[in-house]
Amino acid sequence: MLYIVATPIGNYADITLRALDVLKNCDIVIGEEYRIASTFLKKVGLPEKEILLLNEHAKEKDIRELVDVCASKNVALISDCGTPGFADPGAALIKLCRVKNIAVTALPGPSSLMTILSLSSQKSSQFLYIGFLPANKQERIMAIKALKTENKSWVLMDTPYRLKNILTDLASEMPNERGLLGVNLTQESELIIEGTFKELLAKCRLEEGEFIILRYAHTKDK
């Protein structure tokens, strides 16, 4: 059986009781990076768990081998942080498990997406998840330009070291659009800034950090 286990996005105290129970009793934990998974398991008191890997480098053969493990053992899938199967390779494993009629269940928990939406001062009844913008600057600018005409709220995130670059590009292409920036959410260094993209760039003194950005929806009085 495969358990999809959400883990804290920054504060280890956010782990759920059910997640701890499943992690304690499962046979194997599948993570993205060994160091991160190992550190997490030590933090929650489970340093002896066997860890297998599933990340962007995994080939189809690797995923099929993990499916075979799920067929005979109780396996917990975790990501580096937050909810697995969302912007990570977990979906491929889930798909093949279902093909093999292997039971898959999810344990709800921490999510940077739900966290930033809950911090919004604007009701988000509809929103688009954009995910990661292109790494190439020209392609990224084109993607941002395409988002200008989108009326719904949208959410994007990226790798920590692109924080300043993303804010700079957003402030350049849509300086007066309003939104919400969350950096290192749930951690002691948490930073939450609301305002125009121009203001977000000016107020954010961090060069990098785990971040997520919510662009507020266009309203009739905008």
Foldseek 3Di string as FASTA:
>chain_A
DEEFAAQAPFDRVQHDPVSLVLVVPWQAEEEADPVLVQVSCVVSPRNPHHYHYDWPPDDPVNLVVVLVVLVPTYYYYYYSHGTPPPPTPVVVNVVVNVVVVRDYYYDDGDDPVVVQQVVDPDNQPDEAEPEEADPDLVSNLVVLLVCPPAQHKYKYWDAFQCVLVVLVSQCVRFVQFWWWKWFSPPHPPIDIDTGGSVVVNVPDPDNTGGMMIITHGDDPVD
